[in-house]
Amino acid sequence: MMVKFVFSESCPDRSRRVFSRIACFDAPPAVGDGPSAPYLELRLYWLTAPLIATKWSDELAMVTKLFRIALPVGDIEKAVEFYSRVLEMPGERVWVNRHYFDCGGTILACVDPMSGPESFRPNPNYVYFAVSDLDAVYERVKQAGCKQIDDSVQSQPWGERMFFAEDPFGNPICFVDEGTLFTGAR
């Protein structure tokens, strides 16, 4: 299989390198060799989303993927302790004031503004986590030192089992049983 990259004349900055990695997929066996063999043509315009092959043909779909959520924290060490315990993973320190946790392909970025306590403000919106063992996570969040947590896991009218809490910095967080996720009428 041959891969051909075509940069559009309308690309605003053709010199900019945006890819950090390219994944290769095994193609079905090609009929013939050389220039007449099937190839996949990628037309790269605004390189803001990964390219996902929907089937082995000339078609590609541009899919936007949420890859990072920044959560402001007032103390990076306290945040690492809390989220490491809750998520049962150590995460990775990527900068003096940033610690990343890979949550199924989306990075939870704990970020300490480092400008002093007067500049710190908690996130106003909930961050939702889908988990396989909601009852175990409820106990870990309770023990980890959150500011507030629901009295128990609740079943919602739309079918989700969940609980709400606030991390030690006042950021609203919610944990949902992954077997009951409601993602709209799909």
C-alpha atoms as a PDB file:
ATOM      1  CA  MET A   1       0.000   0.000   0.000  1.00  0.00           C
ATOM      2  CA  MET A   2       1.252   3.458  -0.837  1.00  0.00           C
ATOM      3  CA  VAL A   3       0.324   6.522   1.204  1.00  0.00           C
ATOM      4  CA  LYS A   4       0.254   9.842  -0.600  1.00  0.00           C
ATOM      5  CA  PHE A   5       0.106  13.163   1.276  1.00  0.00           C
ATOM      6  CA  VAL A   6      -1.379  16.151  -0.536  1.00  0.00           C
ATOM      7  CA  PHE A   7      -1.142  19.624   1.003  1.00  0.00           C
ATOM      8  CA  SER A   8      -3.810  22.022  -0.161  1.00  0.00           C
ATOM      9  CA  GLU A   9      -2.966  25.450  -1.526  1.00  0.00           C
ATOM     10  CA  SER A  10      -5.473  26.803   1.008  1.00  0.00           C
ATOM     11  CA  CYS A  11      -3.535  25.382   3.939  1.00  0.00           C
ATOM     12  CA  PRO A  12      -2.733  28.483   6.031  1.00  0.00           C
ATOM     13  CA  ASP A  13       0.688  27.335   7.199  1.00  0.00           C
ATOM     14  CA  ARG A  14       2.076  24.479   5.117  1.00  0.00           C
ATOM     15  CA  SER A  15       5.455  24.688   6.828  1.00  0.00           C
ATOM     16  CA  ARG A  16       4.064  23.956  10.298  1.00  0.00           C
ATOM     17  CA  ARG A  17       4.513  20.410  11.557  1.00  0.00           C
ATOM     18  CA  VAL A  18       1.477  19.329  13.531  1.00  0.00           C
ATOM     19  CA  PHE A  19       1.771  15.552  13.793  1.00  0.00           C
ATOM     20  CA  SER A  20       3.442  14.080  16.842  1.00  0.00           C
ATOM     21  CA  ARG A  21       2.937  10.497  15.681  1.00  0.00           C
ATOM     22  CA  ILE A  22       1.485   8.632  12.730  1.00  0.00           C
ATOM     23  CA  ALA A  23      -0.209   5.262  13.218  1.00  0.00           C
ATOM     24  CA  CYS A  24       0.026   2.701  10.426  1.00  0.00           C
ATOM     25  CA  PHE A  25      -2.714   0.156   9.807  1.00  0.00           C
ATOM     26  CA  ASP A  26      -2.440  -3.120   7.905  1.00  0.00           C
ATOM     27  CA  ALA A  27      -4.307  -2.861   4.635  1.00  0.00           C
ATOM     28  CA  PRO A  28      -6.067  -5.752   2.933  1.00  0.00           C
ATOM     29  CA  PRO A  29      -3.912  -7.454   0.286  1.00  0.00           C
ATOM     30  CA  ALA A  30      -3.432  -5.277  -2.793  1.00  0.00           C
ATOM     31  CA  VAL A  31      -4.158  -6.530  -6.278  1.00  0.00           C
ATOM     32  CA  GLY A  32      -1.004  -5.995  -8.297  1.00  0.00           C
ATOM     33  CA  ASP A  33       2.128  -4.083  -7.516  1.00  0.00           C
ATOM     34  CA  GLY A  34       3.659  -0.749  -8.358  1.00  0.00           C
ATOM     35  CA  PRO A  35       1.844   2.441  -9.360  1.00  0.00           C
ATOM     36  CA  SER A  36      -1.399   0.632 -10.173  1.00  0.00           C
ATOM     37  CA  ALA A  37      -1.715  -0.734  -6.587  1.00  0.00           C
ATOM     38  CA  PRO A  38      -4.467   0.812  -4.450  1.00  0.00           C
ATOM     39  CA  TYR A  39      -3.413   3.708  -2.263  1.00  0.00           C
ATOM     40  CA  LEU A  40      -4.944   5.887   0.404  1.00  0.00           C
ATOM     41  CA  GLU A  41      -4.815   9.629  -0.276  1.00  0.00           C
ATOM     42  CA  LEU A  42      -4.869  11.922   2.742  1.00  0.00           C
ATOM     43  CA  ARG A  43      -5.884  15.496   2.049  1.00  0.00           C
ATOM     44  CA  LEU A  44      -4.566  17.573   4.922  1.00  0.00           C
ATOM     45  CA  TYR A  45      -6.061  21.029   5.328  1.00  0.00           C
ATOM     46  CA  TRP A  46      -6.521  22.241   8.897  1.00  0.00           C
ATOM     47  CA  LEU A  47      -4.563  19.693  10.883  1.00  0.00           C
ATOM     48  CA  THR A  48      -6.547  19.965  14.083  1.00  0.00           C
ATOM     49  CA  ALA A  49      -7.942  16.448  14.432  1.00  0.00           C
ATOM     50  CA  PRO A  50      -6.626  12.938  13.896  1.00  0.00           C
ATOM     51  CA  LEU A  51      -7.492  11.211  10.648  1.00  0.00           C
ATOM     52  CA  ILE A  52      -9.459   8.019  11.170  1.00  0.00           C
ATOM     53  CA  ALA A  53      -9.927   5.465   8.386  1.00  0.00           C
ATOM     54  CA  THR A  54     -13.572   4.440   8.250  1.00  0.00           C
ATOM     55  CA  LYS A  55     -12.980   1.633   5.722  1.00  0.00           C
ATOM     56  CA  TRP A  56     -10.260   0.600   3.310  1.00  0.00           C
ATOM     57  CA  SER A  57     -11.076   2.848   0.402  1.00  0.00           C
ATOM     58  CA  ASP A  58     -10.337   6.386  -0.664  1.00  0.00           C
ATOM     59  CA  GLU A  59     -12.647   7.709   2.086  1.00  0.00           C
ATOM     60  CA  LEU A  60     -11.427   9.266   5.321  1.00  0.00           C
ATOM     61  CA  ALA A  61     -13.458  10.934   8.028  1.00  0.00           C
ATOM     62  CA  MET A  62     -12.206  13.877  10.070  1.00  0.00           C
ATOM     63  CA  VAL A  63     -13.043  13.130  13.691  1.00  0.00           C
ATOM     64  CA  THR A  64     -12.583  15.637  16.478  1.00  0.00           C
ATOM     65  CA  LYS A  65     -11.258  13.958  19.591  1.00  0.00           C
ATOM     66  CA  LEU A  66     -11.168  15.454  23.062  1.00  0.00           C
ATOM     67  CA  PHE A  67      -7.614  14.814  24.235  1.00  0.00           C
ATOM     68  CA  ARG A  68      -7.013  16.977  27.331  1.00  0.00           C
ATOM     69  CA  ILE A  69      -8.983  18.667  30.093  1.00  0.00           C
ATOM     70  CA  ALA A  70      -7.140  21.140  32.326  1.00  0.00           C
ATOM     71  CA  LEU A  71      -8.233  21.150  35.947  1.00  0.00           C
ATOM     72  CA  PRO A  72      -6.953  24.036  38.075  1.00  0.00           C
ATOM     73  CA  VAL A  73      -5.494  22.976  41.422  1.00  0.00           C
ATOM     74  CA  GLY A  74      -4.081  25.104  44.224  1.00  0.00           C
ATOM     75  CA  ASP A  75      -1.374  22.598  45.244  1.00  0.00           C
ATOM     76  CA  ILE A  76       0.075  20.229  42.646  1.00  0.00           C
ATOM     77  CA  GLU A  77       1.395  17.723  45.222  1.00  0.00           C
ATOM     78  CA  LYS A  78      -1.976  17.505  46.966  1.00  0.00           C
ATOM     79  CA  ALA A  79      -3.674  17.077  43.571  1.00  0.00           C
ATOM     80  CA  VAL A  80      -1.304  14.239  42.617  1.00  0.00           C
ATOM     81  CA  GLU A  81      -2.000  12.516  45.933  1.00  0.00           C
ATOM     82  CA  PHE A  82      -5.787  12.873  45.536  1.00  0.00           C
ATOM     83  CA  TYR A  83      -6.120  11.877  41.865  1.00  0.00           C
ATOM     84  CA  SER A  84      -3.517   9.084  42.101  1.00  0.00           C
ATOM     85  CA  ARG A  85      -5.551   7.536  44.888  1.00  0.00           C
ATOM     86  CA  VAL A  86      -8.933   8.049  43.192  1.00  0.00           C
ATOM     87  CA  LEU A  87      -7.845   6.938  39.697  1.00  0.00           C
ATOM     88  CA  GLU A  88      -5.459   4.243  40.959  1.00  0.00           C
ATOM     89  CA  MET A  89      -2.628   5.404  38.716  1.00  0.00           C
ATOM     90  CA  PRO A  90       0.462   7.522  39.382  1.00  0.00           C
ATOM     91  CA  GLY A  91       0.119   9.796  36.368  1.00  0.00           C
ATOM     92  CA  GLU A  92       3.093  11.685  34.991  1.00  0.00           C
ATOM     93  CA  ARG A  93       4.704  14.986  35.986  1.00  0.00           C
ATOM     94  CA  VAL A  94       5.193  16.848  32.726  1.00  0.00           C
ATOM     95  CA  TRP A  95       6.186  20.212  34.159  1.00  0.00           C
ATOM     96  CA  VAL A  96       6.800  21.679  37.576  1.00  0.00           C
ATOM     97  CA  ASN A  97       3.157  22.775  37.820  1.00  0.00           C
ATOM     98  CA  ARG A  98       1.478  20.110  35.610  1.00  0.00           C
ATOM     99  CA  HIS A  99       0.655  16.470  36.235  1.00  0.00           C
ATOM    100  CA  TYR A 100      -1.123  14.341  33.631  1.00  0.00           C
ATOM    101  CA  PHE A 101      -3.391  11.328  34.151  1.00  0.00           C
ATOM    102  CA  ASP A 102      -4.340   9.287  31.075  1.00  0.00           C
ATOM    103  CA  CYS A 103      -8.038   8.539  31.434  1.00  0.00           C
ATOM    104  CA  GLY A 104      -8.745   6.225  28.529  1.00  0.00           C
ATOM    105  CA  GLY A 105      -7.079   8.422  25.919  1.00  0.00           C
ATOM    106  CA  THR A 106      -8.188  11.763  27.366  1.00  0.00           C
ATOM    107  CA  ILE A 107      -5.611  13.481  29.558  1.00  0.00           C
ATOM    108  CA  LEU A 108      -6.732  14.915  32.881  1.00  0.00           C
ATOM    109  CA  ALA A 109      -4.202  17.728  33.348  1.00  0.00           C
ATOM    110  CA  CYS A 110      -3.911  18.970  36.923  1.00  0.00           C
ATOM    111  CA  VAL A 111      -2.480  22.467  36.610  1.00  0.00           C
ATOM    112  CA  ASP A 112      -1.299  24.721  39.447  1.00  0.00           C
ATOM    113  CA  PRO A 113      -1.452  28.333  38.166  1.00  0.00           C
ATOM    114  CA  MET A 114       1.591  29.170  40.386  1.00  0.00           C
ATOM    115  CA  SER A 115       0.572  32.828  40.506  1.00  0.00           C
ATOM    116  CA  GLY A 116      -0.476  32.730  44.119  1.00  0.00           C
ATOM    117  CA  PRO A 117      -3.689  31.685  45.845  1.00  0.00           C
ATOM    118  CA  GLU A 118      -5.546  34.860  44.829  1.00  0.00           C
ATOM    119  CA  SER A 119      -5.427  33.837  41.138  1.00  0.00           C
ATOM    120  CA  PHE A 120      -6.667  30.273  41.655  1.00  0.00           C
ATOM    121  CA  ARG A 121     -10.303  29.568  40.743  1.00  0.00           C
ATOM    122  CA  PRO A 122     -11.879  26.101  40.613  1.00  0.00           C
ATOM    123  CA  ASN A 123     -13.396  24.833  37.394  1.00  0.00           C
ATOM    124  CA  PRO A 124     -17.069  25.935  37.280  1.00  0.00           C
ATOM    125  CA  ASN A 125     -18.264  22.837  35.356  1.00  0.00           C
ATOM    126  CA  TYR A 126     -18.307  19.157  36.219  1.00  0.00           C
ATOM    127  CA  VAL A 127     -15.726  16.793  34.792  1.00  0.00           C
ATOM    128  CA  TYR A 128     -17.351  13.388  34.233  1.00  0.00           C
ATOM    129  CA  PHE A 129     -15.456  10.101  34.592  1.00  0.00           C
ATOM    130  CA  ALA A 130     -16.823   6.760  33.324  1.00  0.00           C
ATOM    131  CA  VAL A 131     -15.703   3.925  35.607  1.00  0.00           C
ATOM    132  CA  SER A 132     -16.177   0.155  35.630  1.00  0.00           C
ATOM    133  CA  ASP A 133     -16.606  -0.263  39.411  1.00  0.00           C
ATOM    134  CA  LEU A 134     -18.580   2.746  40.619  1.00  0.00           C
ATOM    135  CA  ASP A 135     -19.023   1.509  44.193  1.00  0.00           C
ATOM    136  CA  ALA A 136     -15.267   0.998  44.662  1.00  0.00           C
ATOM    137  CA  VAL A 137     -14.546   4.451  43.199  1.00  0.00           C
ATOM    138  CA  TYR A 138     -17.138   5.982  45.548  1.00  0.00           C
ATOM    139  CA  GLU A 139     -15.238   4.557  48.521  1.00  0.00           C
ATOM    140  CA  ARG A 140     -11.864   5.747  47.182  1.00  0.00           C
ATOM    141  CA  VAL A 141     -13.156   9.283  46.576  1.00  0.00           C
ATOM    142  CA  LYS A 142     -14.657   9.322  50.071  1.00  0.00           C
ATOM    143  CA  GLN A 143     -11.332   8.226  51.619  1.00  0.00           C
ATOM    144  CA  ALA A 144      -9.116  10.454  49.434  1.00  0.00           C
ATOM    145  CA  GLY A 145     -10.164  13.705  51.111  1.00  0.00           C
ATOM    146  CA  CYS A 146     -12.656  15.390  48.815  1.00  0.00           C
ATOM    147  CA  LYS A 147     -14.390  18.593  49.935  1.00  0.00           C
ATOM    148  CA  GLN A 148     -17.880  17.248  49.314  1.00  0.00           C
ATOM    149  CA  ILE A 149     -19.436  13.967  48.145  1.00  0.00           C
ATOM    150  CA  ASP A 150     -23.011  12.721  47.682  1.00  0.00           C
ATOM    151  CA  ASP A 151     -24.369  10.559  50.484  1.00  0.00           C
ATOM    152  CA  SER A 152     -24.520   7.572  48.127  1.00  0.00           C
ATOM    153  CA  VAL A 153     -24.466   6.421  44.527  1.00  0.00           C
ATOM    154  CA  GLN A 154     -27.754   7.397  42.856  1.00  0.00           C
ATOM    155  CA  SER A 155     -29.643   6.085  39.821  1.00  0.00           C
ATOM    156  CA  GLN A 156     -30.880   8.901  37.615  1.00  0.00           C
ATOM    157  CA  PRO A 157     -34.222   8.932  35.719  1.00  0.00           C
ATOM    158  CA  TRP A 158     -32.314   8.624  32.391  1.00  0.00           C
ATOM    159  CA  GLY A 159     -30.652   5.417  33.622  1.00  0.00           C
ATOM    160  CA  GLU A 160     -27.164   6.473  34.700  1.00  0.00           C
ATOM    161  CA  ARG A 161     -25.757   5.377  38.068  1.00  0.00           C
ATOM    162  CA  MET A 162     -23.528   8.154  39.394  1.00  0.00           C
ATOM    163  CA  PHE A 163     -22.328  10.321  42.252  1.00  0.00           C
ATOM    164  CA  PHE A 164     -21.132  13.902  42.462  1.00  0.00           C
ATOM    165  CA  ALA A 165     -18.226  15.258  44.508  1.00  0.00           C
ATOM    166  CA  GLU A 166     -15.766  18.147  44.767  1.00  0.00           C
ATOM    167  CA  ASP A 167     -12.028  17.558  44.782  1.00  0.00           C
ATOM    168  CA  PRO A 168      -9.921  19.200  47.536  1.00  0.00           C
ATOM    169  CA  PHE A 169      -9.746  22.400  45.449  1.00  0.00           C
ATOM    170  CA  GLY A 170     -13.493  22.760  44.874  1.00  0.00           C
ATOM    171  CA  ASN A 171     -13.513  21.390  41.312  1.00  0.00           C
ATOM    172  CA  PRO A 172     -16.833  19.616  40.652  1.00  0.00           C
ATOM    173  CA  ILE A 173     -16.341  16.007  39.547  1.00  0.00           C
ATOM    174  CA  CYS A 174     -18.784  13.214  38.739  1.00  0.00           C
ATOM    175  CA  PHE A 175     -18.292   9.471  38.412  1.00  0.00           C
ATOM    176  CA  VAL A 176     -20.662   7.396  36.270  1.00  0.00           C
ATOM    177  CA  ASP A 177     -20.979   3.619  35.949  1.00  0.00           C
ATOM    178  CA  GLU A 178     -19.698   2.936  32.413  1.00  0.00           C
ATOM    179  CA  GLY A 179     -22.394   0.309  31.898  1.00  0.00           C
ATOM    180  CA  THR A 180     -25.103   2.964  32.281  1.00  0.00           C
ATOM    181  CA  LEU A 181     -23.656   5.887  30.293  1.00  0.00           C
ATOM    182  CA  PHE A 182     -26.206   8.014  28.478  1.00  0.00           C
ATOM    183  CA  THR A 183     -24.589   9.638  25.444  1.00  0.00           C
ATOM    184  CA  GLY A 184     -27.673  10.950  23.688  1.00  0.00           C
ATOM    185  CA  ALA A 185     -29.996   9.345  21.191  1.00  0.00           C
ATOM    186  CA  ARG A 186     -27.467   7.551  18.975  1.00  0.00           C
END
